[in-house]
């Protein structure tokens, strides 16, 4: 009988330990849920870059018209031109059948591309990185047919 009572006592002790571990895990999950409910993850926690211009850090840009809309590249350049952004060139892209405006990161500095896309009101999904060390530019903007939807006012 003693062996049976010892086995039963051991099972009861394991059950208590399992119950305690389960309670701790449930408490942890509820705490995480409440934390996320109070402090929902923002854009920064999803890997987005906080847009903040560094003084003295100039972004060199070219703006090309891929939409066929007259003066599209000049209008974007005029809007962006200012402290911290140096427009080196404007002109036409090789074709006028670009549907959506793109920001091309030529220097591998995503933060600079994010600053430009944010100024234009573009989603960061419109940023394409194609590093080209032979180019002396940080960013190339290709204006698409959605040009009139861009945020071009202060």
N, C-alpha and C. Protein backbone atom coordinates (compact mmCIF):
# COMPACT_ATOMS: atom_id res chain seq x y z
N UNK A 1 0.81 -1.18 0.00
CA UNK A 1 0.00 0.00 0.00
C UNK A 1 0.86 1.26 0.00
N UNK A 2 1.99 1.16 0.67
CA UNK A 2 2.89 2.30 0.76
C UNK A 2 3.41 2.70 -0.62
N UNK A 3 3.70 1.69 -1.45
CA UNK A 3 4.19 1.97 -2.81
C UNK A 3 3.11 2.68 -3.63
N UNK A 4 1.87 2.26 -3.45
CA UNK A 4 0.76 2.86 -4.16
C UNK A 4 0.55 4.31 -3.71
N UNK A 5 0.66 4.56 -2.46
CA UNK A 5 0.50 5.91 -1.92
C UNK A 5 1.67 6.80 -2.34
N UNK A 6 2.89 6.24 -2.41
CA UNK A 6 4.06 7.01 -2.85
C UNK A 6 3.92 7.37 -4.33
N UNK A 7 3.45 6.43 -5.16
CA UNK A 7 3.25 6.68 -6.59
C UNK A 7 2.18 7.74 -6.80
N UNK A 8 1.12 7.64 -6.00
CA UNK A 8 0.04 8.61 -6.10
C UNK A 8 0.51 9.99 -5.67
N UNK A 9 1.31 10.05 -4.65
CA UNK A 9 1.85 11.32 -4.16
C UNK A 9 2.80 11.94 -5.20
N UNK A 10 3.59 11.09 -5.86
CA UNK A 10 4.51 11.57 -6.90
C UNK A 10 3.73 12.12 -8.09
N UNK A 11 2.66 11.43 -8.50
CA UNK A 11 1.82 11.91 -9.60
C UNK A 11 1.17 13.24 -9.24
N UNK A 12 0.73 13.33 -7.99
CA UNK A 12 0.10 14.56 -7.53
C UNK A 12 1.11 15.72 -7.56
N UNK A 13 2.34 15.45 -7.18
CA UNK A 13 3.40 16.48 -7.18
C UNK A 13 3.71 16.93 -8.62
N UNK A 14 3.80 15.99 -9.56
CA UNK A 14 4.04 16.33 -10.97
C UNK A 14 2.88 17.15 -11.53
N UNK A 15 1.66 16.76 -11.14
CA UNK A 15 0.47 17.50 -11.59
C UNK A 15 0.52 18.94 -11.08
N UNK A 16 0.93 19.13 -9.83
CA UNK A 16 1.04 20.47 -9.26
C UNK A 16 2.09 21.30 -10.01
N UNK A 17 3.23 20.65 -10.34
CA UNK A 17 4.29 21.36 -11.08
C UNK A 17 3.80 21.74 -12.48
N UNK A 18 3.12 20.83 -13.13
CA UNK A 18 2.58 21.10 -14.47
C UNK A 18 1.55 22.22 -14.41
N UNK A 19 0.72 22.21 -13.39
CA UNK A 19 -0.27 23.25 -13.19
C UNK A 19 0.39 24.61 -12.97
N UNK A 20 1.46 24.63 -12.17
CA UNK A 20 2.20 25.87 -11.90
C UNK A 20 2.84 26.41 -13.18
N UNK A 21 3.49 25.56 -13.96
CA UNK A 21 4.11 25.98 -15.22
C UNK A 21 3.05 26.50 -16.19
N UNK A 22 1.92 25.81 -16.25
CA UNK A 22 0.82 26.26 -17.13
C UNK A 22 0.31 27.62 -16.70
N UNK A 23 0.15 27.83 -15.41
CA UNK A 23 -0.32 29.11 -14.90
C UNK A 23 0.66 30.23 -15.22
N UNK A 24 1.94 29.95 -15.10
CA UNK A 24 2.97 30.95 -15.42
C UNK A 24 2.92 31.30 -16.91
N UNK A 25 2.80 30.29 -17.77
CA UNK A 25 2.74 30.54 -19.21
C UNK A 25 1.49 31.34 -19.59
N UNK A 26 0.37 31.00 -19.01
CA UNK A 26 -0.87 31.73 -19.30
C UNK A 26 -0.73 33.18 -18.83
N UNK A 27 -0.15 33.36 -17.65
CA UNK A 27 0.08 34.71 -17.13
C UNK A 27 0.99 35.51 -18.07
N UNK A 28 2.03 34.88 -18.56
CA UNK A 28 2.96 35.54 -19.48
C UNK A 28 2.25 35.93 -20.78
N UNK A 29 1.47 35.03 -21.35
CA UNK A 29 0.75 35.32 -22.59
C UNK A 29 -0.27 36.44 -22.40
N UNK A 30 -0.99 36.43 -21.29
CA UNK A 30 -1.95 37.50 -21.01
C UNK A 30 -1.23 38.83 -20.84
N UNK A 31 -0.08 38.81 -20.17
CA UNK A 31 0.71 40.04 -19.99
C UNK A 31 1.18 40.60 -21.33
N UNK A 32 1.66 39.74 -22.21
CA UNK A 32 2.11 40.18 -23.54
C UNK A 32 0.93 40.74 -24.32
N UNK A 33 -0.21 40.07 -24.26
CA UNK A 33 -1.41 40.54 -24.96
C UNK A 33 -1.81 41.92 -24.46
N UNK A 34 -1.85 42.11 -23.15
CA UNK A 34 -2.23 43.41 -22.57
C UNK A 34 -1.22 44.49 -22.94
N UNK A 35 0.05 44.14 -22.91
CA UNK A 35 1.09 45.10 -23.29
C UNK A 35 0.90 45.56 -24.74
N UNK A 36 0.66 44.62 -25.64
CA UNK A 36 0.46 44.96 -27.05
C UNK A 36 -0.84 45.71 -27.27
N UNK A 37 -1.81 45.46 -26.42
CA UNK A 37 -3.07 46.18 -26.50
C UNK A 37 -2.89 47.64 -26.09
N UNK A 38 -2.09 47.85 -25.05
CA UNK A 38 -1.83 49.21 -24.55
C UNK A 38 -0.84 49.95 -25.44
N UNK A 39 0.20 49.25 -25.86
CA UNK A 39 1.26 49.84 -26.69
C UNK A 39 1.32 49.09 -28.03
N UNK A 40 0.42 49.40 -28.96
CA UNK A 40 0.43 48.66 -30.24
C UNK A 40 1.70 48.95 -31.01
N UNK A 41 2.18 47.95 -31.74
CA UNK A 41 3.40 48.16 -32.51
C UNK A 41 3.16 49.20 -33.60
N UNK A 42 4.08 50.15 -33.70
CA UNK A 42 3.99 51.19 -34.72
C UNK A 42 4.81 50.83 -35.92
N UNK A 43 4.93 51.78 -36.83
CA UNK A 43 5.68 51.56 -38.05
C UNK A 43 7.15 51.25 -37.75
N UNK A 44 7.70 51.89 -36.72
CA UNK A 44 9.11 51.70 -36.40
C UNK A 44 9.42 50.27 -36.01
N UNK A 45 8.48 49.60 -35.31
CA UNK A 45 8.75 48.23 -34.89
C UNK A 45 8.65 47.26 -36.05
N UNK A 46 8.10 47.68 -37.18
CA UNK A 46 8.01 46.81 -38.35
C UNK A 46 9.20 47.01 -39.29
N UNK A 47 10.23 47.65 -38.81
CA UNK A 47 11.43 47.80 -39.62
C UNK A 47 11.46 49.08 -40.42
N UNK A 48 10.50 49.94 -40.27
CA UNK A 48 10.50 51.20 -41.01
C UNK A 48 11.56 52.12 -40.43
N UNK A 49 12.06 52.98 -41.24
CA UNK A 49 13.09 53.91 -40.81
C UNK A 49 12.44 55.21 -40.41
N UNK A 50 12.79 55.70 -39.25
CA UNK A 50 12.23 56.98 -38.81
C UNK A 50 12.81 58.07 -39.70
N UNK A 51 11.93 58.89 -40.25
CA UNK A 51 12.35 59.94 -41.17
C UNK A 51 12.83 61.13 -40.35
N UNK A 52 14.10 61.40 -40.48
CA UNK A 52 14.70 62.51 -39.76
C UNK A 52 15.92 62.94 -40.54
N UNK A 53 15.95 64.20 -40.91
CA UNK A 53 17.05 64.69 -41.71
C UNK A 53 18.23 65.04 -40.82
N UNK A 54 19.42 64.65 -41.24
CA UNK A 54 20.63 65.00 -40.53
C UNK A 54 21.19 66.26 -41.12
N UNK A 55 21.48 67.22 -40.27
CA UNK A 55 22.06 68.47 -40.77
C UNK A 55 23.44 68.18 -41.34
N UNK A 56 23.72 68.77 -42.50
CA UNK A 56 25.01 68.58 -43.14
C UNK A 56 25.06 67.36 -44.04
N UNK A 57 24.06 66.53 -44.00
CA UNK A 57 24.02 65.34 -44.83
C UNK A 57 23.12 65.63 -46.03
N UNK A 58 23.73 65.92 -47.17
CA UNK A 58 22.98 66.32 -48.37
C UNK A 58 22.60 65.08 -49.17
N UNK A 59 21.35 65.05 -49.63
CA UNK A 59 20.86 63.97 -50.48
C UNK A 59 20.91 64.46 -51.92
N UNK A 60 21.68 63.77 -52.75
CA UNK A 60 21.78 64.16 -54.17
C UNK A 60 20.76 63.36 -54.97
N UNK A 61 19.99 64.09 -55.81
CA UNK A 61 18.83 63.50 -56.46
C UNK A 61 18.79 63.86 -57.94
N UNK A 62 18.30 62.92 -58.75
CA UNK A 62 17.89 63.22 -60.12
C UNK A 62 16.41 62.88 -60.22
N UNK A 63 15.69 63.64 -61.03
CA UNK A 63 14.26 63.40 -61.22
C UNK A 63 14.01 63.23 -62.71
N UNK A 64 13.44 62.08 -63.06
CA UNK A 64 13.18 61.76 -64.47
C UNK A 64 11.69 61.58 -64.69
N UNK A 65 11.21 62.05 -65.82
CA UNK A 65 9.80 61.97 -66.18
C UNK A 65 9.54 60.68 -66.95
N UNK A 66 8.84 59.76 -66.31
CA UNK A 66 8.48 58.52 -66.97
C UNK A 66 6.99 58.45 -67.25
N UNK A 67 6.31 59.60 -67.06
CA UNK A 67 4.85 59.63 -67.21
C UNK A 67 4.39 60.22 -68.53
N UNK A 68 5.21 61.07 -69.13
CA UNK A 68 4.79 61.79 -70.33
C UNK A 68 4.01 63.05 -70.01
N UNK A 69 3.73 63.29 -68.73
CA UNK A 69 3.04 64.51 -68.32
C UNK A 69 4.04 65.65 -68.38
N UNK A 70 3.75 66.71 -69.15
CA UNK A 70 4.72 67.80 -69.30
C UNK A 70 5.14 68.39 -67.95
N UNK A 71 6.44 68.61 -67.81
CA UNK A 71 7.05 69.25 -66.64
C UNK A 71 6.92 68.47 -65.34
N UNK A 72 6.60 67.19 -65.38
CA UNK A 72 6.45 66.40 -64.16
C UNK A 72 7.75 66.37 -63.37
N UNK A 73 8.87 66.13 -64.04
CA UNK A 73 10.13 66.05 -63.31
C UNK A 73 10.53 67.41 -62.74
N UNK A 74 10.28 68.49 -63.47
CA UNK A 74 10.61 69.83 -62.98
C UNK A 74 9.77 70.19 -61.77
N UNK A 75 8.49 69.81 -61.77
CA UNK A 75 7.62 70.12 -60.63
C UNK A 75 8.04 69.36 -59.37
N UNK A 76 8.43 68.10 -59.54
CA UNK A 76 8.91 67.32 -58.39
C UNK A 76 10.22 67.92 -57.89
N UNK A 77 11.11 68.27 -58.81
CA UNK A 77 12.40 68.86 -58.42
C UNK A 77 12.20 70.17 -57.67
N UNK A 78 11.31 71.02 -58.17
CA UNK A 78 11.04 72.30 -57.50
C UNK A 78 10.49 72.08 -56.09
N UNK A 79 9.64 71.09 -55.94
CA UNK A 79 9.08 70.80 -54.62
C UNK A 79 10.15 70.30 -53.64
N UNK A 80 11.03 69.41 -54.12
CA UNK A 80 12.03 68.81 -53.24
C UNK A 80 13.22 69.73 -52.96
N UNK A 81 13.52 70.61 -53.88
CA UNK A 81 14.70 71.45 -53.76
C UNK A 81 14.64 72.27 -52.46
N UNK A 82 15.72 72.21 -51.71
CA UNK A 82 15.78 72.95 -50.46
C UNK A 82 16.94 72.45 -49.61
N UNK A 83 16.98 72.89 -48.34
CA UNK A 83 18.07 72.47 -47.46
C UNK A 83 18.14 70.95 -47.34
N UNK A 84 19.30 70.40 -47.56
CA UNK A 84 19.52 68.97 -47.41
C UNK A 84 19.25 68.14 -48.65
N UNK A 85 18.65 68.76 -49.68
CA UNK A 85 18.36 68.01 -50.92
C UNK A 85 18.92 68.80 -52.10
N UNK A 86 19.83 68.18 -52.82
CA UNK A 86 20.46 68.81 -53.97
C UNK A 86 19.99 68.10 -55.24
N UNK A 87 19.19 68.80 -56.05
CA UNK A 87 18.71 68.23 -57.31
C UNK A 87 19.80 68.47 -58.36
N UNK A 88 20.43 67.40 -58.82
CA UNK A 88 21.54 67.52 -59.76
C UNK A 88 21.09 67.47 -61.21
N UNK A 89 19.93 66.84 -61.46
CA UNK A 89 19.53 66.66 -62.85
C UNK A 89 18.03 66.40 -62.93
N UNK A 90 17.40 66.94 -63.97
CA UNK A 90 16.02 66.59 -64.31
C UNK A 90 15.98 66.27 -65.79
N UNK A 91 15.00 65.51 -66.21
CA UNK A 91 14.88 65.17 -67.62
C UNK A 91 13.86 64.09 -67.83
N UNK A 92 13.92 63.48 -68.98
CA UNK A 92 12.98 62.42 -69.33
C UNK A 92 13.60 61.06 -69.08
N UNK A 93 12.78 60.12 -68.67
CA UNK A 93 13.19 58.73 -68.53
C UNK A 93 13.19 58.11 -69.93
N UNK A 94 13.71 56.92 -70.08
CA UNK A 94 13.82 56.28 -71.39
C UNK A 94 12.47 55.94 -72.02
N UNK A 95 11.41 55.95 -71.21
CA UNK A 95 10.07 55.65 -71.72
C UNK A 95 9.04 56.45 -70.93
N UNK A 96 7.86 56.62 -71.48
CA UNK A 96 6.80 57.35 -70.80
C UNK A 96 5.65 56.43 -70.36
N UNK A 97 5.94 55.15 -70.17
CA UNK A 97 4.86 54.23 -69.79
C UNK A 97 5.00 53.72 -68.35
N UNK A 98 5.58 54.53 -67.48
CA UNK A 98 5.71 54.17 -66.07
C UNK A 98 4.41 54.54 -65.35
N UNK A 99 3.76 53.57 -64.74
CA UNK A 99 2.47 53.81 -64.08
C UNK A 99 2.63 54.46 -62.71
N UNK A 100 3.56 53.94 -61.90
CA UNK A 100 3.71 54.42 -60.53
C UNK A 100 5.07 55.06 -60.31
N UNK A 101 5.07 56.19 -59.62
CA UNK A 101 6.31 56.89 -59.30
C UNK A 101 7.17 56.01 -58.40
N UNK A 102 8.46 55.97 -58.70
CA UNK A 102 9.41 55.15 -57.94
C UNK A 102 10.54 56.01 -57.40
N UNK A 103 11.05 55.60 -56.25
CA UNK A 103 12.24 56.21 -55.67
C UNK A 103 13.31 55.12 -55.69
N UNK A 104 14.38 55.38 -56.43
CA UNK A 104 15.44 54.37 -56.57
C UNK A 104 16.63 54.79 -55.73
N UNK A 105 16.98 53.94 -54.78
CA UNK A 105 18.12 54.16 -53.89
C UNK A 105 19.37 53.66 -54.61
N UNK A 106 20.20 54.59 -55.03
CA UNK A 106 21.41 54.23 -55.78
C UNK A 106 22.64 54.07 -54.88
N UNK A 107 22.58 54.64 -53.68
CA UNK A 107 23.76 54.66 -52.80
C UNK A 107 23.74 53.56 -51.74
N UNK A 108 22.62 52.87 -51.61
CA UNK A 108 22.52 51.85 -50.56
C UNK A 108 22.16 52.45 -49.21
N UNK A 109 21.75 53.72 -49.20
CA UNK A 109 21.35 54.39 -47.97
C UNK A 109 19.83 54.51 -47.95
N UNK A 110 19.18 53.50 -47.41
CA UNK A 110 17.73 53.42 -47.40
C UNK A 110 17.11 54.61 -46.68
N UNK A 111 17.77 55.10 -45.66
CA UNK A 111 17.25 56.24 -44.89
C UNK A 111 17.03 57.45 -45.79
N UNK A 112 17.95 57.72 -46.70
CA UNK A 112 17.79 58.86 -47.62
C UNK A 112 16.59 58.63 -48.55
N UNK A 113 16.45 57.41 -49.04
CA UNK A 113 15.32 57.08 -49.92
C UNK A 113 14.01 57.23 -49.16
N UNK A 114 14.00 56.86 -47.89
CA UNK A 114 12.79 56.98 -47.06
C UNK A 114 12.42 58.45 -46.86
N UNK A 115 13.41 59.31 -46.68
CA UNK A 115 13.14 60.75 -46.53
C UNK A 115 12.46 61.28 -47.79
N UNK A 116 13.00 60.93 -48.95
CA UNK A 116 12.45 61.43 -50.22
C UNK A 116 11.05 60.87 -50.45
N UNK A 117 10.86 59.57 -50.24
CA UNK A 117 9.54 58.98 -50.48
C UNK A 117 8.50 59.58 -49.53
N UNK A 118 8.91 59.85 -48.31
CA UNK A 118 8.00 60.45 -47.33
C UNK A 118 7.60 61.86 -47.75
N UNK A 119 8.56 62.64 -48.25
CA UNK A 119 8.26 64.00 -48.71
C UNK A 119 7.26 63.99 -49.87
N UNK A 120 7.31 62.96 -50.68
CA UNK A 120 6.41 62.86 -51.83
C UNK A 120 5.09 62.17 -51.46
N UNK A 121 4.99 61.71 -50.22
CA UNK A 121 3.77 61.02 -49.79
C UNK A 121 3.66 59.61 -50.33
N UNK A 122 4.81 59.02 -50.66
CA UNK A 122 4.82 57.66 -51.22
C UNK A 122 5.05 56.63 -50.12
N UNK A 123 4.45 55.49 -50.29
CA UNK A 123 4.65 54.36 -49.40
C UNK A 123 6.08 53.85 -49.59
N UNK A 124 6.66 53.30 -48.54
CA UNK A 124 8.03 52.79 -48.64
C UNK A 124 8.14 51.59 -49.59
N UNK A 125 7.01 51.02 -49.98
CA UNK A 125 7.04 49.93 -50.96
C UNK A 125 7.45 50.43 -52.34
N UNK A 126 7.42 51.74 -52.53
CA UNK A 126 7.81 52.33 -53.82
C UNK A 126 9.32 52.57 -53.91
N UNK A 127 10.05 52.20 -52.86
CA UNK A 127 11.51 52.37 -52.86
C UNK A 127 12.14 51.09 -53.40
N UNK A 128 13.03 51.28 -54.37
CA UNK A 128 13.77 50.16 -54.94
C UNK A 128 15.25 50.46 -54.73
N UNK A 129 16.00 49.50 -54.23
CA UNK A 129 17.43 49.70 -54.04
C UNK A 129 18.20 49.02 -55.16
N UNK A 130 18.92 49.84 -55.91
CA UNK A 130 19.80 49.34 -56.97
C UNK A 130 21.11 50.11 -56.80
N UNK A 131 22.00 49.58 -55.99
CA UNK A 131 23.23 50.30 -55.72
C UNK A 131 24.10 50.36 -56.96
N UNK A 132 24.63 51.55 -57.19
CA UNK A 132 25.47 51.79 -58.34
C UNK A 132 26.58 52.75 -57.93
N UNK A 133 27.73 52.22 -57.51
CA UNK A 133 28.81 53.08 -57.01
C UNK A 133 29.36 54.04 -58.06
N UNK A 134 29.14 53.74 -59.34
CA UNK A 134 29.68 54.63 -60.37
C UNK A 134 28.82 55.89 -60.53
N UNK A 135 27.59 55.87 -60.02
CA UNK A 135 26.73 57.05 -60.07
C UNK A 135 27.05 57.96 -58.89
N UNK A 136 27.06 59.24 -59.12
CA UNK A 136 27.36 60.19 -58.05
C UNK A 136 26.08 60.69 -57.39
N UNK A 137 25.03 59.92 -57.50
CA UNK A 137 23.73 60.30 -56.96
C UNK A 137 23.34 59.35 -55.83
N UNK A 138 22.53 59.88 -54.91
CA UNK A 138 21.96 59.02 -53.88
C UNK A 138 20.64 58.42 -54.35
N UNK A 139 19.82 59.26 -54.99
CA UNK A 139 18.45 58.88 -55.32
C UNK A 139 18.12 59.25 -56.76
N UNK A 140 17.37 58.37 -57.41
CA UNK A 140 16.78 58.68 -58.71
C UNK A 140 15.27 58.51 -58.56
N UNK A 141 14.53 59.54 -58.94
CA UNK A 141 13.07 59.48 -58.88
C UNK A 141 12.57 59.37 -60.31
N UNK A 142 11.70 58.41 -60.54
CA UNK A 142 11.07 58.29 -61.86
C UNK A 142 9.58 58.58 -61.67
N UNK A 143 9.14 59.70 -62.22
CA UNK A 143 7.74 60.10 -62.09
C UNK A 143 6.87 59.22 -62.98
N UNK A 144 5.83 58.66 -62.37
CA UNK A 144 4.90 57.81 -63.11
C UNK A 144 3.61 58.53 -63.43
N UNK A 145 2.70 57.81 -64.04
CA UNK A 145 1.41 58.38 -64.43
C UNK A 145 0.57 58.79 -63.22
N UNK A 146 0.95 58.33 -62.03
CA UNK A 146 0.26 58.74 -60.81
C UNK A 146 0.79 60.07 -60.26
N UNK A 147 1.56 60.76 -61.08
CA UNK A 147 2.23 62.01 -60.70
C UNK A 147 1.29 63.01 -60.03
N UNK A 148 0.09 63.15 -60.55
CA UNK A 148 -0.86 64.16 -60.01
C UNK A 148 -1.36 63.81 -58.62
N UNK A 149 -1.13 62.58 -58.18
CA UNK A 149 -1.56 62.16 -56.84
C UNK A 149 -0.47 62.38 -55.79
N UNK A 150 0.71 62.79 -56.23
CA UNK A 150 1.81 63.01 -55.28
C UNK A 150 1.53 64.21 -54.38
N UNK A 151 2.12 64.16 -53.20
CA UNK A 151 2.00 65.27 -52.25
C UNK A 151 3.09 66.29 -52.58
N UNK A 152 2.74 67.31 -53.37
CA UNK A 152 3.74 68.29 -53.79
C UNK A 152 3.45 69.67 -53.23
N UNK A 153 2.98 69.73 -52.00
CA UNK A 153 2.77 71.03 -51.36
C UNK A 153 3.27 70.95 -49.93
N UNK A 154 3.69 72.08 -49.43
CA UNK A 154 4.25 72.11 -48.07
C UNK A 154 3.20 72.13 -47.02
